[in-house]
């Protein structure tokens, strides 16, 4: 699959996985860590739910697809060298399509790895997308970025169906609810807003952060939203009332956040250290050290047994969570 500006280079290299171990012993469980070195600082990760595949983007025009179980690089996508930092990536729920942004044009490319067809999502505005996510059924893609607007795309028709906003500030994080009926977005001014997908109207505005939002995520049951902010806090919100359920005050700014598949744990970085917060115990139950610079992305494996982190130190690390969230 090749165009004048884009090509996929298949690399048949088996990467040796470093068997590093952390210096901490959390609840007498030794944290095991495998790592992969990217082409530059890591800004974003997205995980396929079916085949141990993680896509990695950052300060490089190359996107790597890496099997975090075997350590094998599957392939790499080389984007136009004007693209600059890749802030957002998204796998479709079935893992067959990878969405990547194209700068500076404000377009999104959809790479289909099972049926090599490249689709392009276009709007009439030039934009930089900081976040994107597929709907739970894979039919739609939502993206947000520089202009404060959420774009809602039809994947099959490649059409922009609607927009949400714009708000006065940039969209820094975005997530679909598990039923696909709502979208939560976090903004540079600290706002967290819940949007109705069908009406494109605001349902709730969650007020409590005083700094830029680094990420927003739904719990698996859709009843809770977690937001992390540069104001050194993670807030858990009730999606029906908009009220705070809990607030975690960290030692430093929050740079990434993720919900475990069982809904019991929120992972967040602040910014180099990775923490696991147990919602029932209301305490940090594990702390992972190993990255040397800011952690910009966290994703749980579908079975909840691994946590994958990406950092400005150019590494992607895989953490074994066995027993650490109890």
Protein backbone atom coordinates (compact mmCIF):
# COMPACT_ATOMS: atom_id res chain seq x y z
CA UNK A 1 0.00 0.00 0.00
CA UNK A 2 1.72 3.18 -1.13
CA UNK A 3 0.87 6.72 -2.11
CA UNK A 4 3.24 9.60 -3.01
CA UNK A 5 3.20 10.77 0.59
CA UNK A 6 2.50 7.66 2.60
CA UNK A 7 3.86 4.14 2.64
CA UNK A 8 3.92 1.14 4.92
CA UNK A 9 7.34 -0.45 5.38
CA UNK A 10 7.16 -4.00 6.68
CA UNK A 11 10.10 -4.66 8.97
CA UNK A 12 10.91 -8.31 9.64
CA UNK A 13 13.05 -7.70 12.73
CA UNK A 14 12.68 -9.54 15.98
CA UNK A 15 13.31 -7.07 18.77
CA UNK A 16 15.07 -8.34 21.87
CA UNK A 17 12.90 -7.54 24.87
CA UNK A 18 14.75 -6.15 27.88
CA UNK A 19 13.80 -8.01 31.02
CA UNK A 20 13.99 -5.03 33.37
CA UNK A 21 12.63 -5.07 36.89
CA UNK A 22 11.57 -2.15 39.03
CA UNK A 23 13.37 -1.26 42.22
CA UNK A 24 10.13 -1.31 44.20
CA UNK A 25 8.35 -4.31 45.63
CA UNK A 26 4.63 -3.46 45.74
CA UNK A 27 2.59 -5.66 48.07
CA UNK A 28 5.33 -8.29 47.72
CA UNK A 29 4.56 -8.55 44.01
CA UNK A 30 7.60 -8.01 41.83
CA UNK A 31 6.73 -5.78 38.87
CA UNK A 32 8.10 -7.17 35.62
CA UNK A 33 8.79 -4.81 32.75
CA UNK A 34 9.48 -5.23 29.03
CA UNK A 35 10.36 -2.22 26.93
CA UNK A 36 10.57 -1.05 23.34
CA UNK A 37 12.51 1.97 22.09
CA UNK A 38 10.61 4.21 19.67
CA UNK A 39 12.02 6.60 17.04
CA UNK A 40 11.39 9.65 19.25
CA UNK A 41 9.43 10.83 22.28
CA UNK A 42 6.17 8.87 22.66
CA UNK A 43 3.03 11.02 22.64
CA UNK A 44 0.28 8.46 22.13
CA UNK A 45 -0.55 4.76 22.28
CA UNK A 46 -3.58 2.83 21.09
CA UNK A 47 -4.26 -0.84 21.68
CA UNK A 48 -5.95 -3.42 19.50
CA UNK A 49 -8.35 -5.49 21.56
CA UNK A 50 -7.70 -8.79 19.79
CA UNK A 51 -4.06 -9.46 18.90
CA UNK A 52 -1.67 -7.88 21.45
CA UNK A 53 -1.04 -5.03 19.04
CA UNK A 54 -0.10 -1.54 20.19
CA UNK A 55 0.38 1.39 17.79
CA UNK A 56 2.88 4.02 18.87
CA UNK A 57 3.20 7.66 17.76
CA UNK A 58 5.20 10.67 18.81
CA UNK A 59 7.89 13.09 17.67
CA UNK A 60 8.56 11.19 14.48
CA UNK A 61 6.77 10.77 11.19
CA UNK A 62 6.84 7.01 11.77
CA UNK A 63 4.08 5.04 13.51
CA UNK A 64 5.11 1.62 14.83
CA UNK A 65 2.81 -1.36 15.28
CA UNK A 66 4.32 -3.58 17.94
CA UNK A 67 3.20 -6.89 19.45
CA UNK A 68 3.69 -6.29 23.17
CA UNK A 69 3.41 -10.03 23.93
CA UNK A 70 6.09 -11.34 21.55
CA UNK A 71 8.20 -8.19 21.12
CA UNK A 72 7.90 -8.29 17.33
CA UNK A 73 7.49 -5.12 15.27
CA UNK A 74 4.70 -5.96 12.83
CA UNK A 75 5.16 -2.97 10.53
CA UNK A 76 5.66 0.77 10.44
CA UNK A 77 3.74 3.54 8.70
CA UNK A 78 5.82 6.41 7.41
CA UNK A 79 3.84 9.64 7.16
CA UNK A 80 4.62 12.83 5.29
CA UNK A 81 7.74 14.34 6.89
CA UNK A 82 5.82 17.59 7.48
CA UNK A 83 3.45 15.83 9.86
CA UNK A 84 5.44 16.63 12.99
CA UNK A 85 4.39 15.20 16.35
CA UNK A 86 1.62 12.61 16.20
CA UNK A 87 -0.59 13.42 19.19
CA UNK A 88 -3.37 10.87 18.63
CA UNK A 89 -3.96 7.38 17.28
CA UNK A 90 -6.99 5.09 17.48
CA UNK A 91 -7.66 1.44 16.67
CA UNK A 92 -11.16 0.42 15.66
CA UNK A 93 -12.82 -1.98 18.14
CA UNK A 94 -12.13 -4.97 15.87
CA UNK A 95 -8.48 -3.96 15.50
CA UNK A 96 -8.63 -3.90 11.70
CA UNK A 97 -8.40 -0.13 11.17
CA UNK A 98 -5.89 2.36 12.54
CA UNK A 99 -6.75 6.05 12.45
CA UNK A 100 -3.81 8.44 12.12
CA UNK A 101 -3.81 12.24 11.77
CA UNK A 102 -2.29 14.02 8.80
CA UNK A 103 -0.82 17.43 9.52
CA UNK A 104 -0.89 20.23 8.59
CA UNK A 105 -4.05 19.61 6.57
CA UNK A 106 -6.34 18.50 9.39
CA UNK A 107 -7.22 15.20 7.76
CA UNK A 108 -7.41 11.71 9.28
CA UNK A 109 -6.18 8.60 7.49
CA UNK A 110 -7.82 5.21 8.03
CA UNK A 111 -5.43 2.32 7.39
CA UNK A 112 -7.13 -1.04 6.79
CA UNK A 113 -4.62 -3.84 7.36
CA UNK A 114 -6.88 -6.73 6.35
CA UNK A 115 -8.14 -5.22 3.08
CA UNK A 116 -5.50 -2.69 1.96
CA UNK A 117 -7.66 0.35 1.37
CA UNK A 118 -6.70 3.79 2.58
CA UNK A 119 -9.57 6.11 3.45
CA UNK A 120 -9.31 9.81 4.24
CA UNK A 121 -11.58 11.81 6.51
CA UNK A 122 -11.63 15.45 5.42
CA UNK A 123 -13.16 18.65 6.70
CA UNK A 124 -13.10 22.13 5.19
CA UNK A 125 -10.95 23.41 8.07
CA UNK A 126 -7.25 23.14 8.76
CA UNK A 127 -6.85 21.65 12.22
CA UNK A 128 -4.45 19.81 14.50
CA UNK A 129 -6.06 16.83 16.24
CA UNK A 130 -4.87 16.07 19.77
CA UNK A 131 -7.28 13.19 20.44
CA UNK A 132 -9.49 10.71 18.60
CA UNK A 133 -11.56 7.62 19.40
CA UNK A 134 -13.83 5.13 17.63
CA UNK A 135 -17.40 4.53 18.71
CA UNK A 136 -17.94 1.15 20.42
CA UNK A 137 -19.39 -0.37 17.24
CA UNK A 138 -16.62 1.09 15.05
CA UNK A 139 -19.03 2.97 12.78
CA UNK A 140 -17.93 6.45 13.81
CA UNK A 141 -14.79 8.29 14.77
CA UNK A 142 -14.72 11.34 17.03
CA UNK A 143 -11.74 13.70 17.02
CA UNK A 144 -10.85 16.96 18.74
CA UNK A 145 -8.01 19.42 18.79
CA UNK A 146 -6.78 22.91 18.22
CA UNK A 147 -10.03 24.64 17.22
CA UNK A 148 -12.06 23.46 20.23
CA UNK A 149 -14.51 21.47 18.09
CA UNK A 150 -15.38 17.77 18.24
CA UNK A 151 -15.67 16.24 14.77
CA UNK A 152 -17.95 13.22 14.33
CA UNK A 153 -17.08 11.16 11.25
CA UNK A 154 -18.89 8.30 9.49
CA UNK A 155 -16.18 5.69 8.88
CA UNK A 156 -17.87 3.89 5.98
CA UNK A 157 -18.92 6.97 4.01
CA UNK A 158 -15.85 9.03 5.04
CA UNK A 159 -18.22 11.94 5.69
CA UNK A 160 -18.21 14.47 8.51
CA UNK A 161 -21.70 13.98 9.94
CA UNK A 162 -21.74 16.63 12.67
CA UNK A 163 -19.67 18.75 15.03
CA UNK A 164 -19.92 19.50 18.75
CA UNK A 165 -19.02 23.00 19.86
CA UNK A 166 -16.73 24.77 19.36
CA UNK A 167 -15.71 25.61 22.89
CA UNK A 168 -13.44 28.53 23.67
CA UNK A 169 -10.40 26.30 24.18
CA UNK A 170 -8.64 23.28 22.68
CA UNK A 171 -9.92 19.71 23.03
CA UNK A 172 -7.24 17.73 24.88
CA UNK A 173 -9.02 14.42 25.55
CA UNK A 174 -12.06 12.56 24.28
CA UNK A 175 -13.89 9.27 24.95
CA UNK A 176 -17.12 7.50 23.94
CA UNK A 177 -19.39 6.03 26.58
CA UNK A 178 -19.63 2.22 26.40
CA UNK A 179 -23.12 2.46 24.84
CA UNK A 180 -21.95 5.02 22.28
CA UNK A 181 -24.67 7.51 23.19
CA UNK A 182 -22.46 10.18 24.75
CA UNK A 183 -18.99 11.65 24.35
CA UNK A 184 -16.92 13.17 27.14
CA UNK A 185 -14.33 15.78 26.24
CA UNK A 186 -11.68 17.53 28.30
CA UNK A 187 -10.43 20.99 27.37
CA UNK A 188 -7.33 23.10 27.81
CA UNK A 189 -9.13 25.49 30.18
CA UNK A 190 -9.95 22.61 32.57
CA UNK A 191 -13.55 22.08 31.45
CA UNK A 192 -14.95 18.54 31.21
CA UNK A 193 -18.14 18.31 29.16
CA UNK A 194 -20.52 15.42 28.42
CA UNK A 195 -22.13 15.64 24.97
CA UNK A 196 -25.19 13.86 23.57
CA UNK A 197 -24.23 12.11 20.34
CA UNK A 198 -27.64 12.38 18.67
CA UNK A 199 -28.48 16.01 19.47
CA UNK A 200 -24.89 17.35 19.59
CA UNK A 201 -25.90 19.22 22.74
CA UNK A 202 -24.25 19.45 26.15
CA UNK A 203 -25.68 17.17 28.80
CA UNK A 204 -23.42 18.04 31.74
CA UNK A 205 -20.46 20.27 32.52
CA UNK A 206 -18.18 18.89 35.22
CA UNK A 207 -16.60 21.71 37.23
CA UNK A 208 -13.62 21.20 39.50
CA UNK A 209 -10.34 21.32 37.56
CA UNK A 210 -8.23 24.47 37.43
CA UNK A 211 -5.67 23.31 34.86
CA UNK A 212 -5.59 21.82 31.39
CA UNK A 213 -7.09 18.34 31.03
CA UNK A 214 -4.58 15.64 30.14
CA UNK A 215 -7.11 12.87 29.56
CA UNK A 216 -10.68 11.67 30.11
CA UNK A 217 -11.94 8.07 30.31
CA UNK A 218 -15.21 6.25 30.99
CA UNK A 219 -15.48 3.35 33.38
CA UNK A 220 -16.51 0.11 31.63
CA UNK A 221 -20.06 0.36 33.03
CA UNK A 222 -20.39 3.98 31.85
CA UNK A 223 -21.38 5.26 35.29
CA UNK A 224 -18.12 7.03 36.08
CA UNK A 225 -15.79 9.39 34.24
CA UNK A 226 -12.20 9.92 35.32
CA UNK A 227 -10.37 13.08 34.31
CA UNK A 228 -6.72 13.91 34.89
CA UNK A 229 -5.39 17.47 34.88
CA UNK A 230 -2.22 19.51 35.01
CA UNK A 231 -3.63 20.91 38.27
CA UNK A 232 -2.20 17.77 39.98
CA UNK A 233 -5.56 16.05 40.39
CA UNK A 234 -7.64 13.15 39.14
CA UNK A 235 -11.38 13.55 39.62
CA UNK A 236 -13.98 10.77 39.41
CA UNK A 237 -17.41 11.99 38.29
CA UNK A 238 -20.92 10.52 38.42
CA UNK A 239 -22.15 10.56 34.82
CA UNK A 240 -25.81 10.88 35.82
CA UNK A 241 -25.50 13.81 38.24
CA UNK A 242 -22.21 15.47 37.30
CA UNK A 243 -21.09 15.38 40.93
CA UNK A 244 -17.65 14.42 42.16
CA UNK A 245 -17.34 10.89 43.51
CA UNK A 246 -13.73 11.23 44.54
CA UNK A 247 -10.70 13.47 44.04
CA UNK A 248 -7.10 12.30 44.04
CA UNK A 249 -4.42 14.90 44.76
CA UNK A 250 -1.07 13.90 43.25
CA UNK A 251 2.43 15.20 43.89
CA UNK A 252 2.70 16.69 40.41
CA UNK A 253 0.76 17.29 37.22
CA UNK A 254 -1.25 14.43 35.73
CA UNK A 255 -0.13 13.63 32.19
CA UNK A 256 -2.05 10.45 31.32
CA UNK A 257 -4.93 8.36 32.65
CA UNK A 258 -6.63 5.00 32.01
CA UNK A 259 -9.46 2.86 33.46
CA UNK A 260 -8.91 -0.86 34.04
CA UNK A 261 -11.24 -3.22 32.11
CA UNK A 262 -12.91 -4.37 35.35
CA UNK A 263 -13.56 -0.79 36.45
CA UNK A 264 -11.83 -1.26 39.80
CA UNK A 265 -8.66 0.73 39.14
CA UNK A 266 -7.63 4.03 37.59
CA UNK A 267 -4.03 4.35 36.40
CA UNK A 268 -2.42 7.77 36.14
CA UNK A 269 1.05 9.28 35.73
CA UNK A 270 2.26 12.33 37.67
CA UNK A 271 4.24 12.74 35.42
CA UNK A 272 7.05 10.15 35.53
CA UNK A 273 5.68 7.84 38.21
CA UNK A 274 2.73 5.58 37.35
CA UNK A 275 0.12 4.96 40.05
CA UNK A 276 -2.80 2.56 40.42
CA UNK A 277 -5.76 3.93 42.41
CA UNK A 278 -8.27 1.40 43.73
CA UNK A 279 -11.77 2.90 43.64
CA UNK A 280 -13.13 0.76 46.47
CA UNK A 281 -10.18 1.19 48.82
CA UNK A 282 -9.74 4.86 47.81
CA UNK A 283 -5.98 4.51 47.89
CA UNK A 284 -2.97 3.94 45.68
CA UNK A 285 -2.30 0.20 45.63
CA UNK A 286 0.76 0.16 43.36
CA UNK A 287 3.39 2.58 42.12
CA UNK A 288 5.60 1.88 39.10
CA UNK A 289 8.96 3.55 38.48
CA UNK A 290 11.17 3.13 35.44
CA UNK A 291 10.53 5.95 33.00
CA UNK A 292 13.03 8.80 32.98
CA UNK A 293 10.76 11.46 31.45
CA UNK A 294 7.07 12.36 31.28
CA UNK A 295 4.62 9.51 30.64
CA UNK A 296 2.19 10.72 27.97
CA UNK A 297 0.09 7.60 27.40
CA UNK A 298 -1.32 4.66 29.39
CA UNK A 299 -3.43 1.74 28.14
CA UNK A 300 -4.56 -1.46 29.87
CA UNK A 301 -4.50 -4.76 28.06
CA UNK A 302 -8.01 -6.14 27.41
CA UNK A 303 -7.62 -8.75 30.16
CA UNK A 304 -6.37 -6.14 32.65
CA UNK A 305 -3.19 -8.07 33.38
CA UNK A 306 -0.82 -5.62 31.69
CA UNK A 307 -0.40 -1.87 31.60
CA UNK A 308 1.43 -0.30 28.65
CA UNK A 309 3.03 3.13 29.08
CA UNK A 310 4.64 5.51 26.59
CA UNK A 311 7.08 8.25 27.58
CA UNK A 312 9.08 11.18 26.32
CA UNK A 313 12.16 9.09 27.17
CA UNK A 314 11.36 7.24 23.86
CA UNK A 315 10.42 3.99 25.58
CA UNK A 316 7.21 1.98 25.69
CA UNK A 317 7.06 -0.26 28.75
CA UNK A 318 4.83 -3.23 29.56
CA UNK A 319 4.04 -3.70 33.24
CA UNK A 320 2.82 -6.97 34.77
CA UNK A 321 -0.08 -6.12 37.07
CA UNK A 322 -0.63 -9.51 38.64
CA UNK A 323 -1.95 -8.86 42.15
CA UNK A 324 -1.04 -5.17 42.15
CA UNK A 325 -4.61 -3.81 41.91
CA UNK A 326 -6.12 -5.83 44.75
